[in-house]
Amino acid sequence: MEHTIAALREQGLHSILTQFTDIHGVAKGKLVPLDGLREWVEVGAGFAGPSIAGTGLGRFGPRSEYYGRVQLSSLRALPFMPGVAHAVCDGYAGGEPLETCSRQLLQHQLRRLQARGWTFWVGVEPEFFLLRRDERGRWQVADGQDQLGKPSYDLKAIHRNRAFLDDMRETLTELGFVLQQIDHEDAIGQYEINYRFEDALPDPSCNVYAAIAATLAAGLDGIDRSMLAPPACNEDLYARLNAGAAMPDRLPRDLACALEALAADQTLRAAVGVSFCDEFLDLKRQEWDEFHASISEWEFQRYAALF
């Protein structure tokens, strides 16, 4: 460990940004001194458990503190924060893996897969919107000229936003990503970036852990029960819908329906983890209630002058 600390010091590093992901997929963390690296790896950087969404931890007792244990293989110097290295953390409480930690969920499913001698490969296609707040604090597309009916691969939009896109390219390259392409996607203000990263950097900047863990759990359940895959769909479903033809079963149409489906799926809940699912259901039900207590801009525009 001392050798690792000395090597990091030689890079001009003095602090570690310990980062984890809460149940919503929001990146959280804090800065800790590099000299305490052994503690951050073996015990973890401490956080107040109840202050983190979805941990289920109480305010008192041995399991009130959330400990983010630094994964040494994830340490990377941050080009935009001189002197600071970024580290991914796994969640622990009371000295045990925290069952509501999304990374622990995924690692459990990976161990199940590895026990069968299998390897799991994931392909990610990051897409994002460039937004800004207007003078009233409302979110809008950042580029006011991005108004094409079919904006895919719009070169003018790329040129107008080249400063941001080039800054992103430079930062990702410095972090070790091998970029393949950057383009404007199908929606106004939407972009896509494709890359390779050979070292499989475990980046928790978005909570893909729970989604991948659930996908793995569902797949392993189907294999264990010798279930047959449904027939492949080799047609354009948009054309099928426009033609008025029968459609495959649809996913839940809103958050409330999705939560009802999760609550009723005892097999998935048991495979992913009941504690995590219960916390997720509680928080998302609150979110749904808050959404219904608000009045949207669409409602104002439709109903304010209707009667």
C-alpha atoms as a PDB file:
ATOM      1  CA  MET A   1       0.000   0.000   0.000  1.00  0.00           C
ATOM      2  CA  GLU A   2       2.844   2.405   0.817  1.00  0.00           C
ATOM      3  CA  HIS A   3       4.289   1.782  -2.639  1.00  0.00           C
ATOM      4  CA  THR A   4       0.916   2.686  -4.193  1.00  0.00           C
ATOM      5  CA  ILE A   5       0.671   5.866  -2.138  1.00  0.00           C
ATOM      6  CA  ALA A   6       4.225   6.857  -3.101  1.00  0.00           C
ATOM      7  CA  ALA A   7       3.491   6.224  -6.793  1.00  0.00           C
ATOM      8  CA  LEU A   8       0.365   8.376  -6.629  1.00  0.00           C
ATOM      9  CA  ARG A   9       2.262  11.133  -4.851  1.00  0.00           C
ATOM     10  CA  GLU A  10       4.796  11.122  -7.680  1.00  0.00           C
ATOM     11  CA  GLN A  11       1.897  11.969 -10.012  1.00  0.00           C
ATOM     12  CA  GLY A  12       1.238  15.070  -7.910  1.00  0.00           C
ATOM     13  CA  LEU A  13      -1.829  13.595  -6.198  1.00  0.00           C
ATOM     14  CA  HIS A  14      -2.805  14.526  -2.655  1.00  0.00           C
ATOM     15  CA  SER A  15      -6.508  13.614  -2.384  1.00  0.00           C
ATOM     16  CA  ILE A  16      -8.994  10.955  -3.438  1.00  0.00           C
ATOM     17  CA  LEU A  17     -12.516  11.673  -4.616  1.00  0.00           C
ATOM     18  CA  THR A  18     -14.352   8.673  -3.163  1.00  0.00           C
ATOM     19  CA  GLN A  19     -17.494   8.146  -5.206  1.00  0.00           C
ATOM     20  CA  PHE A  20     -20.487   5.848  -4.932  1.00  0.00           C
ATOM     21  CA  THR A  21     -23.972   5.726  -6.422  1.00  0.00           C
ATOM     22  CA  ASP A  22     -27.198   6.101  -4.467  1.00  0.00           C
ATOM     23  CA  ILE A  23     -30.360   4.183  -5.287  1.00  0.00           C
ATOM     24  CA  HIS A  24     -31.486   6.850  -7.774  1.00  0.00           C
ATOM     25  CA  GLY A  25     -28.266   6.531  -9.749  1.00  0.00           C
ATOM     26  CA  VAL A  26     -26.915   9.873  -8.519  1.00  0.00           C
ATOM     27  CA  ALA A  27     -23.144  10.047  -7.995  1.00  0.00           C
ATOM     28  CA  LYS A  28     -22.199  10.929  -4.394  1.00  0.00           C
ATOM     29  CA  GLY A  29     -18.917  11.136  -2.520  1.00  0.00           C
ATOM     30  CA  LYS A  30     -16.329  13.265  -0.764  1.00  0.00           C
ATOM     31  CA  LEU A  31     -12.655  14.154  -0.790  1.00  0.00           C
ATOM     32  CA  VAL A  32     -10.299  12.277   1.542  1.00  0.00           C
ATOM     33  CA  PRO A  33      -6.502  12.572   1.943  1.00  0.00           C
ATOM     34  CA  LEU A  34      -4.324  10.197  -0.069  1.00  0.00           C
ATOM     35  CA  ASP A  35      -2.262   9.332   3.027  1.00  0.00           C
ATOM     36  CA  GLY A  36      -5.230   7.399   4.475  1.00  0.00           C
ATOM     37  CA  LEU A  37      -5.533   5.102   1.450  1.00  0.00           C
ATOM     38  CA  ARG A  38      -5.127   1.900   3.489  1.00  0.00           C
ATOM     39  CA  GLU A  39      -8.091   2.862   5.676  1.00  0.00           C
ATOM     40  CA  TRP A  40     -10.205   3.850   2.688  1.00  0.00           C
ATOM     41  CA  VAL A  41      -9.533   0.447   1.090  1.00  0.00           C
ATOM     42  CA  GLU A  42      -9.849  -1.798   4.154  1.00  0.00           C
ATOM     43  CA  VAL A  43     -12.511   0.032   6.182  1.00  0.00           C
ATOM     44  CA  GLY A  44     -13.913   2.622   3.810  1.00  0.00           C
ATOM     45  CA  ALA A  45     -14.640   6.321   3.762  1.00  0.00           C
ATOM     46  CA  GLY A  46     -17.488   6.979   6.190  1.00  0.00           C
ATOM     47  CA  PHE A  47     -20.813   8.634   5.345  1.00  0.00           C
ATOM     48  CA  ALA A  48     -23.982   9.145   7.409  1.00  0.00           C
ATOM     49  CA  GLY A  49     -26.180   6.290   6.192  1.00  0.00           C
ATOM     50  CA  PRO A  50     -29.587   8.010   6.522  1.00  0.00           C
ATOM     51  CA  SER A  51     -28.283  10.953   4.486  1.00  0.00           C
ATOM     52  CA  ILE A  52     -27.951   8.722   1.429  1.00  0.00           C
ATOM     53  CA  ALA A  53     -31.115   7.899  -0.526  1.00  0.00           C
ATOM     54  CA  GLY A  54     -32.089   4.244  -0.405  1.00  0.00           C
ATOM     55  CA  THR A  55     -29.608   2.778   2.072  1.00  0.00           C
ATOM     56  CA  GLY A  56     -32.280   1.828   4.590  1.00  0.00           C
ATOM     57  CA  LEU A  57     -29.771   2.549   7.375  1.00  0.00           C
ATOM     58  CA  GLY A  58     -30.875   3.972  10.716  1.00  0.00           C
ATOM     59  CA  ARG A  59     -29.542   6.991  12.568  1.00  0.00           C
ATOM     60  CA  PHE A  60     -28.000   4.997  15.422  1.00  0.00           C
ATOM     61  CA  GLY A  61     -26.182   1.725  15.952  1.00  0.00           C
ATOM     62  CA  PRO A  62     -23.392  -0.192  14.172  1.00  0.00           C
ATOM     63  CA  ARG A  63     -25.255  -0.089  10.847  1.00  0.00           C
ATOM     64  CA  SER A  64     -25.961   3.629  10.792  1.00  0.00           C
ATOM     65  CA  GLU A  65     -22.738   4.466   8.956  1.00  0.00           C
ATOM     66  CA  TYR A  66     -22.245   3.851   5.236  1.00  0.00           C
ATOM     67  CA  TYR A  67     -18.656   2.952   4.347  1.00  0.00           C
ATOM     68  CA  GLY A  68     -17.473   3.309   0.776  1.00  0.00           C
ATOM     69  CA  ARG A  69     -14.501   0.990   0.296  1.00  0.00           C
ATOM     70  CA  VAL A  70     -12.132   2.221  -2.385  1.00  0.00           C
ATOM     71  CA  GLN A  71     -11.449  -0.219  -5.224  1.00  0.00           C
ATOM     72  CA  LEU A  72      -7.747   0.169  -5.952  1.00  0.00           C
ATOM     73  CA  SER A  73      -8.079  -0.811  -9.603  1.00  0.00           C
ATOM     74  CA  SER A  74     -10.391   2.170 -10.172  1.00  0.00           C
ATOM     75  CA  LEU A  75      -7.963   4.895  -9.071  1.00  0.00           C
ATOM     76  CA  ARG A  76      -7.489   7.434 -11.875  1.00  0.00           C
ATOM     77  CA  ALA A  77      -6.080  10.961 -11.806  1.00  0.00           C
ATOM     78  CA  LEU A  78      -8.757  13.492 -12.753  1.00  0.00           C
ATOM     79  CA  PRO A  79      -7.546  15.898 -15.460  1.00  0.00           C
ATOM     80  CA  PHE A  80     -10.140  18.509 -14.451  1.00  0.00           C
ATOM     81  CA  MET A  81      -9.215  18.354 -10.711  1.00  0.00           C
ATOM     82  CA  PRO A  82      -5.420  18.646 -10.426  1.00  0.00           C
ATOM     83  CA  GLY A  83      -4.021  16.717  -7.476  1.00  0.00           C
ATOM     84  CA  VAL A  84      -7.127  14.524  -7.126  1.00  0.00           C
ATOM     85  CA  ALA A  85      -7.630  10.864  -8.039  1.00  0.00           C
ATOM     86  CA  HIS A  86     -11.079   9.387  -8.589  1.00  0.00           C
ATOM     87  CA  ALA A  87     -11.994   6.115  -6.895  1.00  0.00           C
ATOM     88  CA  VAL A  88     -15.052   3.898  -7.168  1.00  0.00           C
ATOM     89  CA  CYS A  89     -16.404   2.618  -3.846  1.00  0.00           C
ATOM     90  CA  ASP A  90     -18.391  -0.449  -2.812  1.00  0.00           C
ATOM     91  CA  GLY A  91     -20.971   0.043  -0.052  1.00  0.00           C
ATOM     92  CA  TYR A  92     -20.557  -1.585   3.363  1.00  0.00           C
ATOM     93  CA  ALA A  93     -22.318  -1.254   6.725  1.00  0.00           C
ATOM     94  CA  GLY A  94     -21.396  -2.965   9.997  1.00  0.00           C
ATOM     95  CA  GLY A  95     -18.411  -4.557   8.250  1.00  0.00           C
ATOM     96  CA  GLU A  96     -20.643  -6.405   5.778  1.00  0.00           C
ATOM     97  CA  PRO A  97     -21.573  -5.725   2.135  1.00  0.00           C
ATOM     98  CA  LEU A  98     -24.602  -3.440   2.098  1.00  0.00           C
ATOM     99  CA  GLU A  99     -27.548  -5.208   0.496  1.00  0.00           C
ATOM    100  CA  THR A 100     -29.014  -1.918  -0.761  1.00  0.00           C
ATOM    101  CA  CYS A 101     -25.787  -0.914  -2.554  1.00  0.00           C
ATOM    102  CA  SER A 102     -26.299  -1.144  -6.312  1.00  0.00           C
ATOM    103  CA  ARG A 103     -22.713  -2.260  -6.949  1.00  0.00           C
ATOM    104  CA  GLN A 104     -23.067  -5.060  -4.405  1.00  0.00           C
ATOM    105  CA  LEU A 105     -26.238  -6.153  -6.186  1.00  0.00           C
ATOM    106  CA  LEU A 106     -24.410  -6.454  -9.486  1.00  0.00           C
ATOM    107  CA  GLN A 107     -21.388  -8.185  -7.973  1.00  0.00           C
ATOM    108  CA  HIS A 108     -23.679 -10.813  -6.432  1.00  0.00           C
ATOM    109  CA  GLN A 109     -25.180 -11.582  -9.838  1.00  0.00           C
ATOM    110  CA  LEU A 110     -21.720 -11.673 -11.425  1.00  0.00           C
ATOM    111  CA  ARG A 111     -20.566 -14.220  -8.838  1.00  0.00           C
ATOM    112  CA  ARG A 112     -23.550 -16.391  -9.742  1.00  0.00           C
ATOM    113  CA  LEU A 113     -22.529 -16.150 -13.365  1.00  0.00           C
ATOM    114  CA  GLN A 114     -18.846 -16.805 -12.705  1.00  0.00           C
ATOM    115  CA  ALA A 115     -19.719 -19.894 -10.661  1.00  0.00           C
ATOM    116  CA  ARG A 116     -20.988 -21.389 -13.941  1.00  0.00           C
ATOM    117  CA  GLY A 117     -17.782 -20.442 -15.738  1.00  0.00           C
ATOM    118  CA  TRP A 118     -19.439 -17.696 -17.762  1.00  0.00           C
ATOM    119  CA  THR A 119     -18.315 -14.145 -18.537  1.00  0.00           C
ATOM    120  CA  PHE A 120     -20.680 -11.197 -18.813  1.00  0.00           C
ATOM    121  CA  TRP A 121     -20.061  -8.545 -21.463  1.00  0.00           C
ATOM    122  CA  VAL A 122     -21.891  -5.229 -21.533  1.00  0.00           C
ATOM    123  CA  GLY A 123     -22.130  -2.677 -24.311  1.00  0.00           C
ATOM    124  CA  VAL A 124     -23.119   0.869 -23.357  1.00  0.00           C
ATOM    125  CA  GLU A 125     -24.270   3.545 -25.801  1.00  0.00           C
ATOM    126  CA  PRO A 126     -24.281   6.843 -23.881  1.00  0.00           C
ATOM    127  CA  GLU A 127     -26.783   9.396 -25.154  1.00  0.00           C
ATOM    128  CA  PHE A 128     -27.422  12.769 -23.526  1.00  0.00           C
ATOM    129  CA  PHE A 129     -29.133  16.130 -23.989  1.00  0.00           C
ATOM    130  CA  LEU A 130     -27.434  19.528 -23.862  1.00  0.00           C
ATOM    131  CA  LEU A 131     -29.676  21.711 -21.683  1.00  0.00           C
ATOM    132  CA  ARG A 132     -29.598  25.107 -19.969  1.00  0.00           C
ATOM    133  CA  ARG A 133     -31.909  27.060 -17.670  1.00  0.00           C
ATOM    134  CA  ASP A 134     -33.754  30.084 -19.006  1.00  0.00           C
ATOM    135  CA  GLU A 135     -34.289  33.322 -17.083  1.00  0.00           C
ATOM    136  CA  ARG A 136     -37.215  31.725 -15.196  1.00  0.00           C
ATOM    137  CA  GLY A 137     -35.155  28.700 -14.171  1.00  0.00           C
ATOM    138  CA  ARG A 138     -36.856  26.301 -16.577  1.00  0.00           C
ATOM    139  CA  TRP A 139     -34.812  23.725 -18.476  1.00  0.00           C
ATOM    140  CA  GLN A 140     -34.492  24.237 -22.218  1.00  0.00           C
ATOM    141  CA  VAL A 141     -32.384  22.865 -25.049  1.00  0.00           C
ATOM    142  CA  ALA A 142     -29.052  24.690 -24.768  1.00  0.00           C
ATOM    143  CA  ASP A 143     -28.781  25.369 -28.501  1.00  0.00           C
ATOM    144  CA  GLY A 144     -31.679  27.596 -29.536  1.00  0.00           C
ATOM    145  CA  GLN A 145     -30.920  26.965 -33.216  1.00  0.00           C
ATOM    146  CA  ASP A 146     -31.285  23.197 -32.830  1.00  0.00           C
ATOM    147  CA  GLN A 147     -34.776  23.022 -34.369  1.00  0.00           C
ATOM    148  CA  LEU A 148     -34.587  20.632 -37.330  1.00  0.00           C
ATOM    149  CA  GLY A 149     -37.444  18.196 -37.827  1.00  0.00           C
ATOM    150  CA  LYS A 150     -34.897  15.430 -38.393  1.00  0.00           C
ATOM    151  CA  PRO A 151     -31.720  16.504 -36.584  1.00  0.00           C
ATOM    152  CA  SER A 152     -29.788  13.227 -36.848  1.00  0.00           C
ATOM    153  CA  TYR A 153     -26.111  13.796 -37.762  1.00  0.00           C
ATOM    154  CA  ASP A 154     -26.635  17.572 -37.999  1.00  0.00           C
ATOM    155  CA  LEU A 155     -23.187  19.010 -38.717  1.00  0.00           C
ATOM    156  CA  LYS A 156     -24.250  22.599 -38.045  1.00  0.00           C
ATOM    157  CA  ALA A 157     -25.260  21.676 -34.487  1.00  0.00           C
ATOM    158  CA  ILE A 158     -21.924  19.932 -33.943  1.00  0.00           C
ATOM    159  CA  HIS A 159     -20.119  23.054 -35.157  1.00  0.00           C
ATOM    160  CA  ARG A 160     -22.141  25.366 -32.901  1.00  0.00           C
ATOM    161  CA  ASN A 161     -21.409  23.172 -29.851  1.00  0.00           C
ATOM    162  CA  ARG A 162     -17.861  22.217 -30.790  1.00  0.00           C
ATOM    163  CA  ALA A 163     -16.301  23.820 -27.686  1.00  0.00           C
ATOM    164  CA  PHE A 164     -18.274  21.616 -25.290  1.00  0.00           C
ATOM    165  CA  LEU A 165     -17.897  18.498 -27.438  1.00  0.00           C
ATOM    166  CA  ASP A 166     -14.144  19.000 -27.793  1.00  0.00           C
ATOM    167  CA  ASP A 167     -13.751  19.550 -24.049  1.00  0.00           C
ATOM    168  CA  MET A 168     -15.589  16.281 -23.453  1.00  0.00           C
ATOM    169  CA  ARG A 169     -13.411  14.512 -26.040  1.00  0.00           C
ATOM    170  CA  GLU A 170     -10.221  15.780 -24.447  1.00  0.00           C
ATOM    171  CA  THR A 171     -11.281  14.807 -20.918  1.00  0.00           C
ATOM    172  CA  LEU A 172     -12.417  11.310 -21.886  1.00  0.00           C
ATOM    173  CA  THR A 173      -9.207  10.722 -23.839  1.00  0.00           C
ATOM    174  CA  GLU A 174      -7.115  11.763 -20.827  1.00  0.00           C
ATOM    175  CA  LEU A 175      -9.104   9.288 -18.701  1.00  0.00           C
ATOM    176  CA  GLY A 176      -8.185   6.455 -21.074  1.00  0.00           C
ATOM    177  CA  PHE A 177     -11.265   6.164 -23.248  1.00  0.00           C
ATOM    178  CA  VAL A 178     -10.772   5.393 -26.949  1.00  0.00           C
ATOM    179  CA  LEU A 179     -13.417   7.453 -28.734  1.00  0.00           C
ATOM    180  CA  GLN A 180     -15.096   6.039 -31.814  1.00  0.00           C
ATOM    181  CA  GLN A 181     -17.593   8.743 -32.712  1.00  0.00           C
ATOM    182  CA  ILE A 182     -19.604  11.768 -31.545  1.00  0.00           C
ATOM    183  CA  ASP A 183     -22.811  12.646 -33.365  1.00  0.00           C
ATOM    184  CA  HIS A 184     -26.131  14.450 -33.064  1.00  0.00           C
ATOM    185  CA  GLU A 185     -28.917  11.972 -32.307  1.00  0.00           C
ATOM    186  CA  ASP A 186     -32.582  11.802 -33.385  1.00  0.00           C
ATOM    187  CA  ALA A 187     -34.052  14.344 -30.941  1.00  0.00           C
ATOM    188  CA  ILE A 188     -33.482  18.083 -30.640  1.00  0.00           C
ATOM    189  CA  GLY A 189     -30.522  18.706 -28.308  1.00  0.00           C
ATOM    190  CA  GLN A 190     -29.586  15.005 -28.151  1.00  0.00           C
ATOM    191  CA  TYR A 191     -26.058  13.704 -28.714  1.00  0.00           C
ATOM    192  CA  GLU A 192     -24.363  10.319 -28.632  1.00  0.00           C
ATOM    193  CA  ILE A 193     -20.789   9.340 -27.896  1.00  0.00           C
ATOM    194  CA  ASN A 194     -19.293   5.901 -28.513  1.00  0.00           C
ATOM    195  CA  TYR A 195     -16.043   4.677 -27.017  1.00  0.00           C
ATOM    196  CA  ARG A 196     -13.981   1.681 -25.933  1.00  0.00           C
ATOM    197  CA  PHE A 197     -12.305   1.257 -22.589  1.00  0.00           C
ATOM    198  CA  GLU A 198     -10.181  -1.872 -22.441  1.00  0.00           C
ATOM    199  CA  ASP A 199      -9.554  -1.819 -18.677  1.00  0.00           C
ATOM    200  CA  ALA A 200     -13.293  -1.884 -17.899  1.00  0.00           C
ATOM    201  CA  LEU A 201     -13.212   1.153 -15.622  1.00  0.00           C
ATOM    202  CA  PRO A 202     -16.107   0.736 -13.124  1.00  0.00           C
ATOM    203  CA  ASP A 203     -17.571   4.212 -13.346  1.00  0.00           C
ATOM    204  CA  PRO A 204     -20.603   4.855 -11.076  1.00  0.00           C
ATOM    205  CA  SER A 205     -21.533   8.189 -12.599  1.00  0.00           C
ATOM    206  CA  CYS A 206     -24.888   6.661 -13.540  1.00  0.00           C
ATOM    207  CA  ASN A 207     -26.695   3.790 -11.862  1.00  0.00           C
ATOM    208  CA  VAL A 208     -26.514   1.112 -14.496  1.00  0.00           C
ATOM    209  CA  TYR A 209     -25.648  -1.383 -11.751  1.00  0.00           C
ATOM    210  CA  ALA A 210     -29.217  -2.139 -10.685  1.00  0.00           C
ATOM    211  CA  ALA A 211     -30.457  -2.399 -14.276  1.00  0.00           C
ATOM    212  CA  ILE A 212     -27.689  -4.818 -15.267  1.00  0.00           C
ATOM    213  CA  ALA A 213     -28.110  -6.830 -12.055  1.00  0.00           C
ATOM    214  CA  ALA A 214     -31.840  -7.225 -12.720  1.00  0.00           C
ATOM    215  CA  THR A 215     -31.184  -8.219 -16.338  1.00  0.00           C
ATOM    216  CA  LEU A 216     -28.677 -10.847 -15.222  1.00  0.00           C
ATOM    217  CA  ALA A 217     -31.010 -12.168 -12.521  1.00  0.00           C
ATOM    218  CA  ALA A 218     -33.873 -12.506 -15.011  1.00  0.00           C
ATOM    219  CA  GLY A 219     -31.628 -14.232 -17.536  1.00  0.00           C
ATOM    220  CA  LEU A 220     -30.280 -16.721 -15.006  1.00  0.00           C
ATOM    221  CA  ASP A 221     -33.825 -17.481 -13.831  1.00  0.00           C
ATOM    222  CA  GLY A 222     -34.858 -18.248 -17.403  1.00  0.00           C
ATOM    223  CA  ILE A 223     -31.839 -20.519 -17.874  1.00  0.00           C
ATOM    224  CA  ASP A 224     -32.454 -22.341 -14.594  1.00  0.00           C
ATOM    225  CA  ARG A 225     -36.077 -22.990 -15.576  1.00  0.00           C
ATOM    226  CA  SER A 226     -35.141 -23.963 -19.155  1.00  0.00           C
ATOM    227  CA  MET A 227     -37.444 -21.294 -20.541  1.00  0.00           C
ATOM    228  CA  LEU A 228     -37.464 -20.774 -24.276  1.00  0.00           C
ATOM    229  CA  ALA A 229     -36.694 -17.342 -25.674  1.00  0.00           C
ATOM    230  CA  PRO A 230     -39.653 -15.666 -27.418  1.00  0.00           C
ATOM    231  CA  PRO A 231     -39.632 -15.523 -31.227  1.00  0.00           C
ATOM    232  CA  ALA A 232     -37.243 -12.938 -32.625  1.00  0.00           C
ATOM    233  CA  CYS A 233     -38.773  -9.683 -33.829  1.00  0.00           C
ATOM    234  CA  ASN A 234     -37.318  -8.842 -37.246  1.00  0.00           C
ATOM    235  CA  GLU A 235     -39.698  -6.101 -38.337  1.00  0.00           C
ATOM    236  CA  ASP A 236     -40.085  -2.370 -37.884  1.00  0.00           C
ATOM    237  CA  LEU A 237     -42.546  -1.996 -34.990  1.00  0.00           C
ATOM    238  CA  TYR A 238     -43.154   1.667 -35.851  1.00  0.00           C
ATOM    239  CA  ALA A 239     -44.420   0.599 -39.284  1.00  0.00           C
ATOM    240  CA  ARG A 240     -46.468  -2.147 -37.668  1.00  0.00           C
ATOM    241  CA  LEU A 241     -48.079   0.310 -35.260  1.00  0.00           C
ATOM    242  CA  ASN A 242     -48.863   2.782 -38.058  1.00  0.00           C
ATOM    243  CA  ALA A 243     -50.497  -0.022 -40.029  1.00  0.00           C
ATOM    244  CA  GLY A 244     -52.809  -0.818 -37.115  1.00  0.00           C
ATOM    245  CA  ALA A 245     -51.503  -4.374 -36.773  1.00  0.00           C
ATOM    246  CA  ALA A 246     -51.414  -6.265 -33.478  1.00  0.00           C
ATOM    247  CA  MET A 247     -48.459  -5.303 -31.306  1.00  0.00           C
ATOM    248  CA  PRO A 248     -46.348  -7.318 -28.849  1.00  0.00           C
ATOM    249  CA  ASP A 249     -46.999  -6.908 -25.138  1.00  0.00           C
ATOM    250  CA  ARG A 250     -46.010  -3.418 -24.049  1.00  0.00           C
ATOM    251  CA  LEU A 251     -43.854  -2.385 -21.141  1.00  0.00           C
ATOM    252  CA  PRO A 252     -45.570  -0.500 -18.260  1.00  0.00           C
ATOM    253  CA  ARG A 253     -46.716   2.862 -19.607  1.00  0.00           C
ATOM    254  CA  ASP A 254     -45.737   4.925 -16.569  1.00  0.00           C
ATOM    255  CA  LEU A 255     -43.815   4.761 -13.303  1.00  0.00           C
ATOM    256  CA  ALA A 256     -46.846   3.699 -11.255  1.00  0.00           C
ATOM    257  CA  CYS A 257     -47.507   0.687 -13.494  1.00  0.00           C
ATOM    258  CA  ALA A 258     -43.824  -0.230 -13.449  1.00  0.00           C
ATOM    259  CA  LEU A 259     -43.770  -0.144  -9.652  1.00  0.00           C
ATOM    260  CA  GLU A 260     -46.864  -2.343  -9.479  1.00  0.00           C
ATOM    261  CA  ALA A 261     -45.179  -4.849 -11.797  1.00  0.00           C
ATOM    262  CA  LEU A 262     -42.010  -4.895  -9.671  1.00  0.00           C
ATOM    263  CA  ALA A 263     -43.959  -5.300  -6.424  1.00  0.00           C
ATOM    264  CA  ALA A 264     -45.829  -8.281  -7.905  1.00  0.00           C
ATOM    265  CA  ASP A 265     -42.730  -9.995  -9.316  1.00  0.00           C
ATOM    266  CA  GLN A 266     -41.617 -12.095  -6.350  1.00  0.00           C
ATOM    267  CA  THR A 267     -39.089 -14.019  -8.436  1.00  0.00           C
ATOM    268  CA  LEU A 268     -37.222 -10.901  -9.528  1.00  0.00           C
ATOM    269  CA  ARG A 269     -37.430  -9.328  -6.069  1.00  0.00           C
ATOM    270  CA  ALA A 270     -35.907 -12.421  -4.471  1.00  0.00           C
ATOM    271  CA  ALA A 271     -33.163 -12.677  -7.098  1.00  0.00           C
ATOM    272  CA  VAL A 272     -32.165  -9.008  -7.034  1.00  0.00           C
ATOM    273  CA  GLY A 273     -32.655  -8.505  -3.298  1.00  0.00           C
ATOM    274  CA  VAL A 274     -35.803  -7.775  -1.308  1.00  0.00           C
ATOM    275  CA  SER A 275     -34.150  -5.026   0.765  1.00  0.00           C
ATOM    276  CA  PHE A 276     -33.065  -3.096  -2.320  1.00  0.00           C
ATOM    277  CA  CYS A 277     -36.437  -3.530  -4.042  1.00  0.00           C
ATOM    278  CA  ASP A 278     -38.372  -2.392  -0.963  1.00  0.00           C
ATOM    279  CA  GLU A 279     -36.256   0.759  -0.653  1.00  0.00           C
ATOM    280  CA  PHE A 280     -36.615   1.431  -4.374  1.00  0.00           C
ATOM    281  CA  LEU A 281     -40.390   0.963  -4.265  1.00  0.00           C
ATOM    282  CA  ASP A 282     -40.805   3.272  -1.252  1.00  0.00           C
ATOM    283  CA  LEU A 283     -38.747   6.079  -2.786  1.00  0.00           C
ATOM    284  CA  LYS A 284     -40.272   5.839  -6.261  1.00  0.00           C
ATOM    285  CA  ARG A 285     -43.820   5.741  -4.883  1.00  0.00           C
ATOM    286  CA  GLN A 286     -43.052   8.986  -3.055  1.00  0.00           C
ATOM    287  CA  GLU A 287     -41.697  10.382  -6.310  1.00  0.00           C
ATOM    288  CA  TRP A 288     -44.891   9.417  -8.142  1.00  0.00           C
ATOM    289  CA  ASP A 289     -47.049  11.070  -5.473  1.00  0.00           C
ATOM    290  CA  GLU A 290     -44.961  14.259  -5.667  1.00  0.00           C
ATOM    291  CA  PHE A 291     -45.300  14.253  -9.451  1.00  0.00           C
ATOM    292  CA  HIS A 292     -49.093  14.093  -9.179  1.00  0.00           C
ATOM    293  CA  ALA A 293     -49.141  16.928  -6.669  1.00  0.00           C
ATOM    294  CA  SER A 294     -47.456  19.246  -9.179  1.00  0.00           C
ATOM    295  CA  ILE A 295     -49.009  21.141 -12.091  1.00  0.00           C
ATOM    296  CA  SER A 296     -47.155  20.832 -15.363  1.00  0.00           C
ATOM    297  CA  GLU A 297     -46.632  23.465 -18.040  1.00  0.00           C
ATOM    298  CA  TRP A 298     -48.759  21.304 -20.370  1.00  0.00           C
ATOM    299  CA  GLU A 299     -51.702  21.535 -17.939  1.00  0.00           C
ATOM    300  CA  PHE A 300     -51.379  25.309 -17.682  1.00  0.00           C
ATOM    301  CA  GLN A 301     -51.324  25.670 -21.463  1.00  0.00           C
ATOM    302  CA  ARG A 302     -54.248  23.295 -22.009  1.00  0.00           C
ATOM    303  CA  TYR A 303     -56.638  24.203 -19.218  1.00  0.00           C
ATOM    304  CA  ALA A 304     -55.921  27.739 -17.941  1.00  0.00           C
ATOM    305  CA  ALA A 305     -58.072  29.428 -20.617  1.00  0.00           C
ATOM    306  CA  LEU A 306     -60.281  26.482 -21.568  1.00  0.00           C
ATOM    307  CA  PHE A 307     -63.282  27.213 -19.347  1.00  0.00           C
END
